[in-house]
Amino acid sequence: MTNQTAESVGQLTELPATPPAIADQLRDRVILITGVARGLGKAAAEACACAGATVILLDKELKPLEKLYDHIVAQGWPEPVIHPMNLEGVGPAEFLELATAIDQHFGKLDGLLHNAAFLGELSPMMNYDPEIWARVLHVNINAPFLLNHVCLPLMQRATDARLVFVSDAVGRRGKAFWGAYGASKAAVENMMETLSLELGRGPVKVMSFDPGAVDTAMRRKAYPAESTDGQRQPEDLAAWFVYLMGPDSGHLHGRRTRLGES
């Protein structure tokens, strides 16, 4: 990696306001997305399938997975793969089993979107429940590390792969009461930057994406009194997930990306 590229690592980049075209952008690509039962993950999975990708659907809830599978098939998009997994309760062996199955079926992996996250509790850090702290860190940072560990060899077989972390503004600047979630998102940003430097000019491009305020179940839990009037819906970001997972985002390697205000 040249000095110029290294200097851009961690740079905050605002994406253009106009969503890109997604038609056929991901044709013949195999993309694994975590946390697809609802919200951003569901929207991303549908958009990636619509753009031609074979999507591996990972979530702890089986019924929403099956419903999403049926919807994608009904649309005539590439048949997805369901992989039920509770990120809170698994370790290295289960992730290796997943990677082995991907290897056997596809021989490569073109994209990995780390979307799944656990909010935990909003509490002063001195009062934070240690058990909840550990659970948040396992889902939000340990699980992505373990998934990267087994998937990166598969991604390096692809000609142009993408590794994207869904992040949050509290990962760039601390915020009172956000405890483990904020700390985990800061760790996610650091992991992204570290990987981008280590992977250099190879086939895997790494970046993070802060979607901003979106009307999701997690957002409503964090801000129960907040009005959602005018707030982005998960489907409003669908094209951006395709863009980040696709061939036109390579220049964002190592960058922290976000959308501007709607």
Protein backbone atom coordinates (compact mmCIF):
# COMPACT_ATOMS: atom_id res chain seq x y z
CA MET A 1 0.00 0.00 0.00
CA THR A 2 1.45 3.35 -0.99
CA ASN A 3 1.86 6.15 1.54
CA GLN A 4 -0.86 8.12 -0.21
CA THR A 5 -3.34 5.27 0.18
CA ALA A 6 -2.28 4.62 3.77
CA GLU A 7 -2.89 8.25 4.64
CA SER A 8 -6.50 7.95 3.46
CA VAL A 9 -7.22 5.03 5.80
CA GLY A 10 -9.86 6.04 8.35
CA GLN A 11 -10.86 9.11 6.37
CA LEU A 12 -14.54 9.95 6.71
CA THR A 13 -16.12 10.06 3.26
CA GLU A 14 -19.66 11.27 2.62
CA LEU A 15 -21.40 9.38 -0.16
CA PRO A 16 -23.25 11.33 -2.89
CA ALA A 17 -26.90 12.08 -2.24
CA THR A 18 -28.12 10.35 -5.40
CA PRO A 19 -28.39 6.56 -5.08
CA PRO A 20 -26.49 4.65 -7.75
CA ALA A 21 -28.07 2.27 -10.25
CA ILE A 22 -28.04 -1.32 -9.01
CA ALA A 23 -29.13 -3.37 -12.04
CA ASP A 24 -26.82 -6.37 -12.54
CA GLN A 25 -24.10 -4.79 -10.39
CA LEU A 26 -23.61 -8.00 -8.42
CA ARG A 27 -24.25 -10.63 -11.09
CA ASP A 28 -22.48 -13.94 -10.32
CA ARG A 29 -21.27 -12.72 -6.93
CA VAL A 30 -21.73 -14.65 -3.71
CA ILE A 31 -22.40 -12.38 -0.71
CA LEU A 32 -22.86 -13.26 2.96
CA ILE A 33 -25.00 -10.85 5.01
CA THR A 34 -25.54 -11.10 8.76
CA GLY A 35 -28.65 -9.96 10.61
CA VAL A 36 -31.11 -10.23 7.71
CA ALA A 37 -34.35 -10.94 9.57
CA ARG A 38 -35.48 -7.32 9.37
CA GLY A 39 -34.34 -3.74 9.01
CA LEU A 40 -31.14 -2.84 7.19
CA GLY A 41 -30.02 -6.44 6.77
CA LYS A 42 -33.26 -7.48 5.11
CA ALA A 43 -33.20 -4.47 2.79
CA ALA A 44 -29.58 -5.15 1.89
CA ALA A 45 -30.24 -8.83 1.18
CA GLU A 46 -33.18 -8.07 -1.11
CA ALA A 47 -31.25 -5.38 -2.98
CA CYS A 48 -28.17 -7.55 -3.45
CA ALA A 49 -30.31 -10.42 -4.75
CA CYS A 50 -32.13 -8.04 -7.08
CA ALA A 51 -28.72 -6.89 -8.37
CA GLY A 52 -27.82 -10.48 -9.30
CA ALA A 53 -26.00 -11.84 -6.25
CA THR A 54 -26.46 -15.21 -4.64
CA VAL A 55 -27.02 -14.12 -1.04
CA ILE A 56 -26.19 -16.21 2.01
CA LEU A 57 -28.77 -15.20 4.60
CA LEU A 58 -27.54 -15.40 8.20
CA ASP A 59 -29.73 -14.68 11.21
CA LYS A 60 -30.76 -16.32 14.47
CA GLU A 61 -34.49 -16.27 13.58
CA LEU A 62 -35.47 -19.10 11.24
CA LYS A 63 -39.01 -18.03 10.25
CA PRO A 64 -37.97 -14.58 8.95
CA LEU A 65 -35.12 -16.29 7.08
CA GLU A 66 -37.56 -18.65 5.39
CA LYS A 67 -39.92 -15.80 4.55
CA LEU A 68 -37.07 -13.78 3.03
CA TYR A 69 -35.92 -16.83 1.08
CA ASP A 70 -39.42 -17.32 -0.35
CA HIS A 71 -39.67 -13.66 -1.31
CA ILE A 72 -36.34 -13.66 -3.16
CA VAL A 73 -37.21 -16.85 -5.03
CA ALA A 74 -40.66 -15.50 -5.93
CA GLN A 75 -39.04 -12.45 -7.51
CA GLY A 76 -37.01 -14.66 -9.82
CA TRP A 77 -33.70 -13.51 -8.34
CA PRO A 78 -30.81 -15.97 -7.74
CA GLU A 79 -31.77 -18.59 -5.17
CA PRO A 80 -30.33 -17.61 -1.79
CA VAL A 81 -28.89 -19.83 0.92
CA ILE A 82 -30.26 -19.89 4.48
CA HIS A 83 -27.85 -20.29 7.38
CA PRO A 84 -29.51 -19.94 10.81
CA MET A 85 -26.95 -18.88 13.40
CA ASN A 86 -27.11 -17.06 16.73
CA LEU A 87 -23.91 -15.01 16.81
CA GLU A 88 -24.17 -14.70 20.57
CA GLY A 89 -23.94 -18.43 21.15
CA VAL A 90 -21.35 -19.69 18.66
CA GLY A 91 -17.59 -19.98 18.53
CA PRO A 92 -14.78 -20.79 16.09
CA ALA A 93 -16.04 -24.29 15.23
CA GLU A 94 -19.44 -23.06 14.02
CA PHE A 95 -17.87 -20.32 11.89
CA LEU A 96 -15.46 -22.81 10.35
CA GLU A 97 -18.42 -25.06 9.52
CA LEU A 98 -20.08 -22.15 7.71
CA ALA A 99 -16.95 -21.29 5.75
CA THR A 100 -16.45 -24.94 4.81
CA ALA A 101 -19.99 -25.11 3.44
CA ILE A 102 -19.42 -21.93 1.39
CA ASP A 103 -16.18 -23.39 0.05
CA GLN A 104 -17.87 -26.64 -0.94
CA HIS A 105 -20.80 -24.95 -2.69
CA PHE A 106 -19.15 -21.91 -4.26
CA GLY A 107 -15.36 -22.12 -3.86
CA LYS A 108 -15.15 -18.39 -3.12
CA LEU A 109 -16.90 -15.49 -1.40
CA ASP A 110 -17.26 -12.13 -3.14
CA GLY A 111 -18.71 -10.11 -0.30
CA LEU A 112 -19.31 -10.07 3.45
CA LEU A 113 -21.60 -7.49 5.04
CA HIS A 114 -21.35 -7.30 8.82
CA ASN A 115 -24.78 -5.91 9.67
CA ALA A 116 -25.86 -7.88 12.76
CA ALA A 117 -25.53 -5.97 16.02
CA PHE A 118 -26.72 -6.07 19.63
CA LEU A 119 -27.57 -2.76 21.33
CA GLY A 120 -27.36 -4.00 24.90
CA GLU A 121 -28.41 -1.40 27.46
CA LEU A 122 -28.11 2.37 27.61
CA SER A 123 -26.61 2.95 31.03
CA PRO A 124 -23.80 4.79 32.83
CA MET A 125 -20.67 2.71 32.36
CA MET A 126 -20.10 2.40 36.10
CA ASN A 127 -23.54 0.75 36.39
CA TYR A 128 -23.31 -1.34 33.21
CA ASP A 129 -24.23 -5.00 33.62
CA PRO A 130 -21.01 -6.99 33.00
CA GLU A 131 -22.92 -9.90 31.47
CA ILE A 132 -24.66 -7.63 28.94
CA TRP A 133 -21.31 -5.94 28.22
CA ALA A 134 -19.77 -9.30 27.33
CA ARG A 135 -22.75 -10.26 25.14
CA VAL A 136 -22.60 -7.00 23.19
CA LEU A 137 -18.88 -7.31 22.55
CA HIS A 138 -19.23 -10.92 21.45
CA VAL A 139 -21.93 -10.18 18.87
CA ASN A 140 -20.57 -6.84 17.67
CA ILE A 141 -16.81 -7.43 17.54
CA ASN A 142 -15.81 -11.01 18.42
CA ALA A 143 -18.23 -12.58 15.94
CA PRO A 144 -17.09 -10.36 13.03
CA PHE A 145 -13.47 -11.19 13.86
CA LEU A 146 -14.19 -14.92 13.87
CA LEU A 147 -16.22 -14.66 10.67
CA ASN A 148 -13.44 -12.70 8.95
CA HIS A 149 -10.92 -15.26 10.15
CA VAL A 150 -12.59 -18.10 8.24
CA CYS A 151 -14.00 -16.11 5.31
CA LEU A 152 -11.03 -14.01 4.23
CA PRO A 153 -9.25 -16.98 2.57
CA LEU A 154 -12.41 -17.52 0.50
CA MET A 155 -12.64 -13.83 -0.33
CA GLN A 156 -9.04 -13.73 -1.50
CA ARG A 157 -9.97 -16.26 -4.17
CA ALA A 158 -12.40 -13.74 -5.66
CA THR A 159 -11.18 -11.20 -8.17
CA ASP A 160 -12.86 -8.18 -6.57
CA ALA A 161 -14.30 -8.82 -3.09
CA ARG A 162 -15.84 -6.44 -0.54
CA LEU A 163 -15.80 -6.56 3.26
CA VAL A 164 -18.20 -3.97 4.69
CA PHE A 165 -18.91 -3.17 8.34
CA VAL A 166 -22.11 -1.35 9.30
CA SER A 167 -20.98 1.24 11.81
CA ASP A 168 -22.37 4.16 13.81
CA ALA A 169 -21.41 7.71 14.74
CA VAL A 170 -20.78 6.55 18.34
CA GLY A 171 -17.90 4.50 16.95
CA ARG A 172 -16.16 7.72 15.91
CA ARG A 173 -16.88 9.77 19.03
CA GLY A 174 -17.93 8.57 22.46
CA LYS A 175 -21.42 9.34 23.71
CA ALA A 176 -22.66 9.14 27.29
CA PHE A 177 -24.61 6.00 28.22
CA TRP A 178 -23.82 4.12 25.00
CA GLY A 179 -21.37 1.85 26.84
CA ALA A 180 -20.62 -1.46 25.18
CA TYR A 181 -22.33 -0.62 21.90
CA GLY A 182 -20.27 2.52 21.42
CA ALA A 183 -17.07 0.74 22.41
CA SER A 184 -17.83 -2.12 20.03
CA LYS A 185 -18.44 0.23 17.09
CA ALA A 186 -15.16 2.02 17.81
CA ALA A 187 -13.49 -1.39 17.72
CA VAL A 188 -15.26 -2.17 14.42
CA GLU A 189 -13.83 1.00 12.86
CA ASN A 190 -10.35 0.09 14.08
CA MET A 191 -10.71 -3.48 12.79
CA MET A 192 -11.73 -2.12 9.38
CA GLU A 193 -8.73 0.19 9.21
CA THR A 194 -6.31 -2.51 10.37
CA LEU A 195 -7.59 -5.00 7.80
CA SER A 196 -7.42 -2.45 4.99
CA LEU A 197 -3.74 -1.84 5.76
CA GLU A 198 -2.94 -5.52 6.08
CA LEU A 199 -4.78 -6.49 2.88
CA GLY A 200 -3.25 -3.62 0.93
CA ARG A 201 -3.74 -3.81 -2.82
CA GLY A 202 -5.16 -7.34 -2.82
CA PRO A 203 -8.57 -8.36 -4.16
CA VAL A 204 -10.45 -7.64 -0.91
CA LYS A 205 -11.49 -4.03 -0.33
CA VAL A 206 -12.61 -3.09 3.19
CA MET A 207 -14.75 -0.17 4.38
CA SER A 208 -17.31 0.84 6.99
CA PHE A 209 -20.71 2.40 6.44
CA ASP A 210 -22.63 4.61 8.87
CA PRO A 211 -26.26 4.70 7.62
CA GLY A 212 -27.23 7.50 10.00
CA ALA A 213 -30.71 7.75 11.51
CA VAL A 214 -32.88 4.99 10.02
CA ASP A 215 -36.28 3.82 11.24
CA THR A 216 -35.32 0.37 12.56
CA ALA A 217 -36.27 -1.64 15.63
CA MET A 218 -32.87 -0.95 17.19
CA ARG A 219 -33.24 2.78 16.61
CA ARG A 220 -36.68 2.80 18.22
CA LYS A 221 -35.31 0.91 21.22
CA ALA A 222 -32.47 3.40 21.63
CA TYR A 223 -34.69 6.47 21.10
CA PRO A 224 -38.22 5.45 22.17
CA ALA A 225 -39.53 9.02 22.27
CA GLU A 226 -38.05 10.07 18.92
CA SER A 227 -40.37 11.02 16.08
CA THR A 228 -39.75 8.95 12.95
CA ASP A 229 -41.41 11.50 10.66
CA GLY A 230 -39.15 12.06 7.67
CA GLN A 231 -36.66 9.47 8.85
CA ARG A 232 -35.06 7.18 6.29
CA GLN A 233 -36.52 3.70 5.96
CA PRO A 234 -34.23 0.67 5.51
CA GLU A 235 -35.35 0.34 1.88
CA ASP A 236 -34.06 3.87 1.21
CA LEU A 237 -30.52 2.60 1.73
CA ALA A 238 -30.83 -0.53 -0.41
CA ALA A 239 -28.99 0.84 -3.42
CA TRP A 240 -26.11 2.01 -1.26
CA PHE A 241 -25.48 -1.50 0.05
CA VAL A 242 -25.30 -2.76 -3.52
CA TYR A 243 -22.90 0.06 -4.41
CA LEU A 244 -20.59 -0.70 -1.49
CA MET A 245 -20.60 -4.43 -2.26
CA GLY A 246 -20.08 -3.84 -5.98
CA PRO A 247 -17.33 -3.02 -8.48
CA ASP A 248 -17.53 0.78 -8.22
CA SER A 249 -16.55 1.12 -4.54
CA GLY A 250 -12.93 -0.03 -4.68
CA HIS A 251 -11.62 3.51 -4.19
CA LEU A 252 -13.24 3.54 -0.74
CA HIS A 253 -10.81 0.91 0.59
CA GLY A 254 -10.01 1.79 4.21
CA ARG A 255 -12.56 4.61 4.37
CA ARG A 256 -15.29 5.32 6.89
CA THR A 257 -18.31 6.14 4.75
CA ARG A 258 -21.64 7.69 5.62
CA LEU A 259 -24.70 9.19 3.99
CA GLY A 260 -25.42 12.88 4.23
CA GLU A 261 -28.58 14.24 5.79
CA SER A 262 -31.80 13.27 3.98
